[in-house]
Protein backbone atom coordinates (compact mmCIF):
# COMPACT_ATOMS: atom_id res chain seq x y z
CA MET A 1 146.81 89.11 110.16
CA MET A 2 147.13 89.79 113.88
CA THR A 3 144.69 88.13 116.26
CA GLY A 4 144.90 89.36 119.81
CA ASN A 5 144.55 88.71 123.49
CA PRO A 6 142.74 90.96 126.02
CA LEU A 7 145.95 92.84 126.85
CA GLN A 8 146.15 94.16 123.29
CA ASN A 9 142.68 95.69 123.33
CA PRO A 10 143.70 99.13 124.72
CA ALA A 11 146.38 99.49 122.04
CA PHE A 12 143.88 99.06 119.20
CA ARG A 13 140.90 101.03 120.46
CA THR A 14 139.48 103.77 118.26
CA ALA A 15 140.82 106.51 120.55
CA GLN A 16 144.34 105.10 120.25
CA ILE A 17 144.18 104.87 116.44
CA ARG A 18 142.94 108.47 116.40
CA LEU A 19 146.19 109.52 118.10
CA LEU A 20 148.32 107.53 115.64
CA THR A 21 146.72 109.02 112.52
CA GLU A 22 149.16 111.93 112.68
CA ILE A 23 152.03 109.47 112.11
CA PHE A 24 150.20 107.84 109.17
CA VAL A 25 149.72 111.20 107.46
CA GLU A 26 153.21 112.50 108.27
CA LYS A 27 154.89 109.47 106.71
CA SER A 28 152.55 109.58 103.71
CA ILE A 29 153.59 113.18 103.09
CA GLN A 30 157.26 112.18 103.35
CA LEU A 31 156.71 109.53 100.65
CA ARG A 32 154.79 112.05 98.52
CA ASP A 33 157.71 114.45 98.63
CA ILE A 34 160.16 111.73 97.56
CA TRP A 35 158.00 110.78 94.60
CA ALA A 36 157.51 114.45 93.70
CA LYS A 37 161.29 114.82 93.30
CA GLN A 38 161.37 111.82 90.98
CA VAL A 39 158.47 113.19 88.96
CA ASP A 40 160.10 116.62 88.68
CA ALA A 41 163.37 115.04 87.53
CA THR A 42 161.90 113.04 84.64
CA THR A 43 161.67 114.32 81.07
CA SER A 44 159.29 111.58 79.93
CA ALA A 45 155.80 112.64 78.92
CA ASP A 46 154.52 109.48 80.60
CA GLY A 47 155.86 110.61 83.95
CA ALA A 48 158.33 108.91 86.26
CA GLN A 49 158.31 105.12 86.29
CA ILE A 50 158.24 104.12 89.96
CA ASP A 51 158.10 100.70 91.57
CA VAL A 52 155.39 101.70 94.02
CA SER A 53 155.47 98.30 95.74
CA SER A 54 158.95 98.72 97.21
CA TRP A 55 158.29 102.33 98.31
CA LEU A 56 154.99 101.44 99.95
CA ARG A 57 156.67 98.67 101.88
CA ARG A 58 159.26 101.18 103.11
CA VAL A 59 156.72 103.77 104.22
CA ALA A 60 154.58 101.12 105.93
CA LEU A 61 157.67 99.88 107.76
CA ASP A 62 158.41 103.40 109.01
CA ILE A 63 154.79 103.75 110.11
CA ILE A 64 154.69 100.52 112.11
CA GLY A 65 158.11 101.28 113.57
CA GLU A 66 157.00 104.60 115.04
CA ALA A 67 153.34 103.82 115.68
CA GLY A 68 153.99 100.25 116.77
CA PHE A 69 156.96 100.50 119.10
CA ASN A 70 158.51 103.97 118.85
CA HIS A 71 161.36 102.68 116.70
CA HIS A 72 162.74 104.68 113.77
CA PHE A 73 163.59 102.47 110.80
CA ASN A 74 164.29 105.51 108.60
CA SER A 75 163.41 103.42 105.54
CA LEU A 76 162.44 106.55 103.60
CA ASP A 77 165.75 108.23 104.41
CA GLU A 78 167.95 107.62 101.37
CA ASN A 79 171.06 108.41 103.40
CA GLY A 80 169.97 106.44 106.44
CA LYS A 81 171.93 103.52 107.86
CA PRO A 82 170.30 100.11 107.24
CA ASP A 83 168.34 98.97 110.29
CA GLU A 84 169.29 95.53 111.61
CA LEU A 85 165.72 94.66 112.58
CA ASP A 86 164.49 95.50 109.09
CA GLU A 87 167.33 93.56 107.49
CA ALA A 88 166.59 90.52 109.65
CA PHE A 89 162.87 90.72 108.91
CA THR A 90 163.56 91.07 105.17
CA GLU A 91 165.87 88.06 105.32
CA LEU A 92 163.19 86.03 107.06
CA PHE A 93 160.24 86.90 104.85
CA HIS A 94 161.62 88.06 101.50
CA SER A 95 164.79 86.04 100.89
CA PRO A 96 164.44 83.30 98.22
CA LYS A 97 166.21 80.89 100.61
CA THR A 98 163.72 81.40 103.41
CA GLN A 99 160.78 81.37 101.00
CA ARG A 100 161.83 77.85 100.02
CA ALA A 101 162.22 76.97 103.70
CA PHE A 102 158.68 78.13 104.51
CA VAL A 103 157.32 76.07 101.62
CA ALA A 104 159.16 73.08 103.07
CA LEU A 105 157.75 73.80 106.54
CA ILE A 106 154.22 73.81 105.14
CA ALA A 107 154.90 70.53 103.38
CA GLN A 108 156.34 69.00 106.57
CA ALA A 109 153.26 70.06 108.54
CA ARG A 110 151.02 68.24 106.07
CA VAL A 111 153.25 65.20 105.35
CA PRO A 112 154.98 64.14 108.61
CA ILE A 113 157.51 61.84 106.91
CA LEU A 114 159.07 64.91 105.24
CA ARG A 115 160.19 66.07 108.69
CA LEU A 116 163.03 63.57 108.42
CA LEU A 117 164.58 65.65 105.62
CA PRO A 118 166.90 68.62 106.36
CA LEU A 119 165.20 72.01 106.15
CA PRO A 120 166.65 74.21 103.37
CA GLY A 121 167.72 77.67 104.54
CA ALA A 122 167.60 76.69 108.23
CA SER A 123 170.83 78.54 109.09
CA VAL A 124 169.57 81.73 107.43
CA ILE A 125 166.36 81.54 109.45
CA ASP A 126 168.28 80.92 112.68
CA ASN A 127 170.64 83.86 112.14
CA ALA A 128 167.88 86.29 111.18
CA SER A 129 165.74 85.13 114.10
CA ALA A 130 168.62 85.70 116.53
CA THR A 131 169.12 89.23 115.20
CA MET A 132 165.41 89.99 115.51
CA HIS A 133 165.38 88.63 119.05
CA ALA A 134 168.31 90.81 120.16
CA ALA A 135 166.89 93.94 118.53
CA SER A 136 163.46 93.27 120.01
CA LYS A 137 164.95 92.95 123.51
CA ARG A 138 166.55 96.39 123.16
CA ILE A 139 163.25 97.90 122.03
CA ILE A 140 161.46 96.34 125.02
CA SER A 141 164.10 97.66 127.41
CA ASN A 142 163.80 101.17 125.99
CA SER A 143 160.00 101.06 126.18
CA LEU A 144 160.03 99.82 129.78
CA ALA A 145 162.53 102.51 130.79
CA ALA A 146 160.40 105.20 129.13
CA LEU A 147 157.29 103.83 130.83
CA GLU A 148 158.97 103.88 134.25
CA ALA A 149 160.22 107.43 133.68
CA SER A 150 156.74 108.55 132.63
CA GLU A 151 155.09 106.90 135.62
CA GLY A 152 157.66 108.51 137.92
CA GLY A 153 156.88 111.97 136.65
CA LYS A 154 160.22 112.31 134.85
CA SER A 155 158.56 112.56 131.45
CA LEU A 156 155.59 114.70 130.52
CA THR A 157 155.20 113.05 127.12
CA ALA A 158 152.68 110.22 127.09
CA LYS A 159 153.80 107.37 124.84
CA ARG A 160 151.25 106.65 122.13
CA ASP A 161 152.87 103.70 120.33
CA LEU A 162 151.14 100.33 120.52
CA LEU A 163 153.92 98.60 122.43
CA SER A 164 153.98 101.23 125.19
CA VAL A 165 150.22 100.96 125.60
CA LEU A 166 150.50 97.15 125.69
CA LEU A 167 153.28 97.23 128.30
CA LYS A 168 151.33 99.68 130.43
CA ALA A 169 148.26 97.43 130.27
CA ASN A 170 150.45 94.44 131.13
CA VAL A 171 151.44 95.90 134.51
CA SER A 172 147.99 97.23 135.32
CA PRO A 173 146.78 96.04 138.77
CA GLY A 174 143.52 94.78 137.28
CA VAL A 175 145.19 92.23 135.00
CA PRO A 176 145.14 88.64 136.35
CA GLU A 177 148.59 87.10 136.71
CA HIS A 178 147.86 84.33 134.20
CA GLN A 179 147.09 86.91 131.50
CA ARG A 180 150.29 88.90 131.93
CA LEU A 181 152.98 88.55 129.29
CA THR A 182 156.57 87.86 130.24
CA GLU A 183 159.33 89.89 128.60
CA SER A 184 160.35 86.85 126.56
CA GLU A 185 156.78 86.47 125.28
CA VAL A 186 156.67 90.12 124.19
CA VAL A 187 160.07 89.77 122.48
CA ALA A 188 159.22 86.49 120.76
CA ARG A 189 155.62 87.25 119.83
CA GLU A 190 154.44 90.84 119.98
CA ILE A 191 157.19 92.75 118.14
CA PRO A 192 157.50 90.26 115.24
CA THR A 193 153.69 90.18 115.01
CA PHE A 194 153.40 93.99 115.01
CA LEU A 195 156.12 94.12 112.37
CA ALA A 196 154.69 91.47 110.06
CA ALA A 197 150.98 92.21 110.37
CA GLY A 198 151.46 95.95 110.71
CA HIS A 199 153.30 96.72 107.52
CA GLU A 200 153.20 93.83 105.06
CA THR A 201 149.42 93.67 104.81
CA SER A 202 148.90 97.45 104.62
CA SER A 203 151.58 98.00 101.99
CA SER A 204 150.18 95.14 99.93
CA ALA A 205 146.66 96.61 100.10
CA VAL A 206 147.75 100.10 99.01
CA THR A 207 149.85 98.61 96.21
CA TRP A 208 146.84 96.72 94.85
CA ALA A 209 144.67 99.82 95.26
CA LEU A 210 147.04 101.90 93.11
CA HIS A 211 147.19 99.08 90.57
CA SER A 212 143.39 99.00 90.31
CA LEU A 213 143.09 102.78 90.21
CA SER A 214 145.69 102.98 87.43
CA LEU A 215 143.52 100.63 85.36
CA ASN A 216 140.32 102.57 86.16
CA PRO A 217 141.01 106.27 85.44
CA THR A 218 137.36 107.25 85.89
CA VAL A 219 137.30 105.82 89.41
CA GLN A 220 140.69 107.40 90.09
CA SER A 221 139.41 110.84 89.04
CA LYS A 222 136.21 110.52 91.05
CA LEU A 223 138.16 109.51 94.15
CA ARG A 224 140.64 112.38 93.71
CA GLU A 225 137.75 114.82 93.40
CA GLU A 226 136.38 113.67 96.76
CA LEU A 227 139.80 113.84 98.42
CA LEU A 228 140.54 117.34 97.13
CA ALA A 229 137.19 118.57 98.42
CA LEU A 230 138.48 118.07 101.97
CA ASP A 231 140.23 121.34 102.78
CA THR A 232 143.24 119.99 104.67
CA GLU A 233 146.54 118.25 104.02
CA ASN A 234 146.53 116.69 107.48
CA PRO A 235 143.21 114.87 107.88
CA SER A 236 142.15 113.35 111.17
CA MET A 237 140.94 109.77 111.49
CA ASP A 238 137.35 110.99 111.62
CA GLU A 239 137.80 113.06 108.45
CA LEU A 240 139.28 110.10 106.59
CA ASN A 241 136.42 107.89 107.74
CA SER A 242 133.88 110.48 106.58
CA LEU A 243 134.80 110.05 102.89
CA PRO A 244 132.33 107.54 101.38
CA TYR A 245 134.01 107.00 98.01
CA LEU A 246 137.38 106.42 99.66
CA GLU A 247 135.66 103.88 101.91
CA ASN A 248 134.27 102.09 98.84
CA VAL A 249 137.64 102.03 97.07
CA VAL A 250 139.37 100.60 100.14
CA ARG A 251 136.58 98.10 100.68
CA GLU A 252 136.63 96.88 97.09
CA THR A 253 140.41 96.58 97.13
CA LEU A 254 140.36 94.50 100.30
CA ARG A 255 137.59 92.35 98.84
CA VAL A 256 139.28 91.48 95.54
CA HIS A 257 142.89 91.73 96.72
CA SER A 258 142.78 90.42 100.26
CA PRO A 259 146.44 90.54 101.39
CA VAL A 260 145.99 87.26 103.28
CA PRO A 261 144.18 84.92 100.85
CA SER A 262 143.62 82.12 103.36
CA ILE A 263 144.13 81.28 107.00
CA GLN A 264 144.35 78.03 108.91
CA ARG A 265 142.70 77.13 112.20
CA GLU A 266 142.77 73.99 114.37
CA ALA A 267 139.59 72.66 115.95
CA VAL A 268 139.93 72.65 119.74
CA GLN A 269 136.95 70.31 120.15
CA ASP A 270 134.69 68.07 118.10
CA ASP A 271 132.18 70.12 116.14
CA VAL A 272 129.68 69.95 113.32
CA LEU A 273 129.80 72.59 110.60
CA PRO A 274 126.42 73.39 108.97
CA LEU A 275 126.63 73.94 105.21
CA SER A 276 124.74 76.57 103.25
CA THR A 277 124.89 74.28 100.21
CA PRO A 278 124.61 70.50 100.68
CA TYR A 279 127.17 68.27 98.98
CA ILE A 280 126.94 64.72 97.64
CA ASP A 281 129.69 62.27 98.62
CA LYS A 282 131.24 59.55 96.45
CA ASP A 283 128.50 57.12 97.50
CA GLY A 284 125.76 59.46 96.32
CA LYS A 285 124.66 60.46 99.82
CA GLU A 286 123.71 64.10 100.43
CA HIS A 287 125.13 65.93 103.45
CA GLU A 288 123.95 69.21 104.96
CA SER A 289 126.72 69.40 107.55
CA LEU A 290 130.38 68.49 107.94
CA PRO A 291 131.81 66.82 111.08
CA ILE A 292 135.02 68.46 112.31
CA PRO A 293 136.99 66.31 114.79
CA LYS A 294 139.18 67.85 117.49
CA GLY A 295 142.66 68.59 116.14
CA GLN A 296 141.47 68.90 112.54
CA LEU A 297 143.27 71.64 110.58
CA VAL A 298 140.82 73.75 108.60
CA ASP A 299 141.87 76.01 105.73
CA ILE A 300 139.58 79.04 105.50
CA ALA A 301 139.66 80.48 102.00
CA ILE A 302 139.25 84.21 102.67
CA LEU A 303 139.78 85.33 99.09
CA ALA A 304 137.47 82.64 97.71
CA VAL A 305 134.62 83.84 99.96
CA ASN A 306 135.33 87.49 99.14
CA THR A 307 135.00 86.74 95.42
CA ASP A 308 132.32 84.04 95.48
CA LYS A 309 129.90 84.65 92.60
CA ASP A 310 126.99 83.19 94.57
CA ILE A 311 127.50 85.97 97.11
CA TRP A 312 128.76 88.91 95.05
CA GLY A 313 127.39 88.28 91.54
CA GLU A 314 128.90 87.32 88.20
CA ASP A 315 131.59 90.04 88.31
CA ALA A 316 132.70 89.05 91.80
CA ASP A 317 136.36 88.60 90.82
CA ARG A 318 136.58 92.05 89.20
CA TRP A 319 137.54 95.27 90.97
CA GLU A 320 134.47 97.37 90.29
CA ASN A 321 134.22 99.65 93.33
CA ILE A 322 130.64 98.52 93.86
CA PRO A 323 129.17 99.83 97.13
CA ALA A 324 127.16 96.63 97.52
CA THR A 325 127.08 94.46 100.62
CA ALA A 326 126.83 90.76 101.19
CA ASN A 327 125.06 90.48 104.50
CA SER A 328 125.54 86.72 104.68
CA VAL A 329 129.30 87.03 105.33
CA PRO A 330 129.89 87.51 109.08
CA GLY A 331 133.22 89.38 108.79
CA ILE A 332 134.39 91.82 111.44
CA TRP A 333 134.37 94.64 108.85
CA SER A 334 132.10 95.43 105.91
CA HIS A 335 130.81 91.86 105.46
CA LEU A 336 134.22 90.70 104.22
CA LEU A 337 136.47 87.96 105.56
CA THR A 338 139.59 90.05 104.93
CA PHE A 339 140.04 90.74 108.64
CA PHE A 340 138.42 87.43 109.53
CA ALA A 341 135.58 87.12 112.07
CA GLY A 342 134.67 86.01 115.55
CA PRO A 343 136.80 86.26 118.71
CA HIS A 344 140.01 85.64 116.74
CA HIS A 345 139.52 88.39 114.16
CA CYS A 346 142.37 90.72 113.20
CA ILE A 347 142.61 93.04 116.21
CA GLY A 348 144.55 95.63 114.19
CA PHE A 349 141.94 96.14 111.47
CA ARG A 350 141.19 99.77 112.45
CA PHE A 351 144.91 100.58 112.42
CA SER A 352 145.27 99.08 108.94
CA LEU A 353 142.19 100.78 107.49
CA VAL A 354 143.16 104.28 108.64
CA GLU A 355 146.75 103.78 107.47
CA ILE A 356 145.55 102.69 104.01
CA LYS A 357 143.19 105.65 103.79
CA ALA A 358 145.88 108.13 104.87
CA LEU A 359 148.29 106.90 102.20
CA LEU A 360 145.68 107.00 99.44
CA PHE A 361 144.49 110.43 100.59
CA VAL A 362 147.94 112.00 100.38
CA LEU A 363 149.13 110.26 97.20
CA LEU A 364 145.96 110.61 95.10
CA ARG A 365 145.71 114.34 95.82
CA SER A 366 149.18 114.87 94.36
CA PHE A 367 149.66 112.29 91.59
CA GLU A 368 148.03 110.55 88.66
CA PHE A 369 148.83 106.87 88.17
CA GLU A 370 148.96 104.88 84.92
CA PRO A 371 150.11 101.30 84.20
CA ALA A 372 153.76 100.94 83.18
CA VAL A 373 153.36 97.32 82.04
CA PRO A 374 150.38 95.52 80.46
CA GLU A 375 147.69 94.43 82.90
CA LYS A 376 148.15 90.77 81.91
CA ASP A 377 151.77 90.89 83.09
CA ILE A 378 150.87 91.74 86.70
CA MET A 379 150.18 88.62 88.72
CA PRO A 380 149.72 87.84 92.43
CA THR A 381 152.30 85.77 94.26
CA ALA A 382 151.38 82.11 94.54
CA LEU A 383 152.20 81.60 98.23
CA GLY A 384 151.82 83.55 101.45
CA LEU A 385 150.97 87.22 101.43
CA ARG A 386 149.33 88.27 98.19
CA ARG A 387 151.69 90.73 96.46
CA PRO A 388 151.96 91.80 92.80
CA VAL A 389 154.82 90.47 90.67
CA VAL A 390 155.71 91.14 87.04
CA LYS A 391 155.41 88.01 84.91
CA GLY A 392 158.69 86.81 83.46
CA ARG A 393 160.91 88.59 85.96
CA ASP A 394 162.64 87.29 89.09
CA GLY A 395 159.48 86.76 91.14
CA ALA A 396 160.22 89.64 93.52
CA SER A 397 157.27 91.80 94.51
CA ARG A 398 157.06 94.90 92.34
CA LEU A 399 154.50 97.12 90.65
CA PRO A 400 155.90 99.65 88.17
CA LEU A 401 153.55 102.57 87.50
CA PHE A 402 153.89 105.82 85.58
CA VAL A 403 153.45 108.63 88.08
CA LYS A 404 152.69 112.22 87.06
CA GLY A 405 151.98 115.27 89.14
CA TYR A 406 148.27 116.05 89.25
CA GLN A 407 147.21 119.28 87.61
CA ALA A 408 143.62 120.46 87.75
CA ARG A 409 142.14 120.68 84.26
CA GLU A 410 140.23 123.69 83.03
CA ASP A 411 136.54 122.97 82.41
């Protein structure tokens, strides 16, 4: 989840996301064509068995590369050379060694005495971080050179990627000096943030959406009917946002399968938190509020709120595609906490929503999806970003589905 500062606002405005929609659709079509070849090559009546999780991560990486900072990862190119930035990012966030290290970091943050112990996987983290830093510096240099050329009239092509818009805003005369980002801040913070928040959360959301749709063929058919009624293969942002059933499917997916299940915040001042439901302490005293001292770390359970039965009803933890609302939840989008709320909400929520819709639009119009393993064997990861894993395997994120080409049935 990416929370922002004022300099990021121009990069995530509706008009900017409208320009980027072309990239979302173009990459979705590229993935569709890859899957179509696999479907055509299979002789199984069930269709091709595809691990959609790994492919969706690759397409989302290509999308954030081009839309985020005009960098071509070429993750969907089977003959492409591995990208060092992608490899470093994968090492940081998907390697078993670094996963153990991050668990240890969390433990050290909560139990200070554990900080005396050596951190497992520290060398792997250091090496991957150094690679990311060097690659990010090159991307910044290229973006700054392109910006200078454009401003000098040497280039007629306006850069539309988020980083270029951010860098342009950063040198704007109206920006106070204390708000400007240094190059080292952009390298250390913005590119890794764009990369992490911009592709991991979106790919996770689409993966869970396809999982849920594969288990609910009636919903899948109804959604496909709506998508096919739009007479274009290259929808605009406004056309994607005009589809009510697609909106409901995305909303329900992000409610039940919030990619970020919880988030932590630190109180910057003493405060008192009013409670909707009073609690009774160990001494039998009832409390209607909770004092929060300055410096207190607060875990905000996003997924728990999104699936609270007192808010959403008895079937709150089930993916039902219910177009209901819970007006008591002050989220930035659709009364959910998925993109958080308040001044530190996820600034990239519009980017993520349109990307998710573009992928579902292209894929559902072309394919039918069915489970390849029993529903009970698909479980969410226990820590960090919420991804599907197959029970009894190695713990790596994967979602095998049977994929068949869609053929309209005669009435």
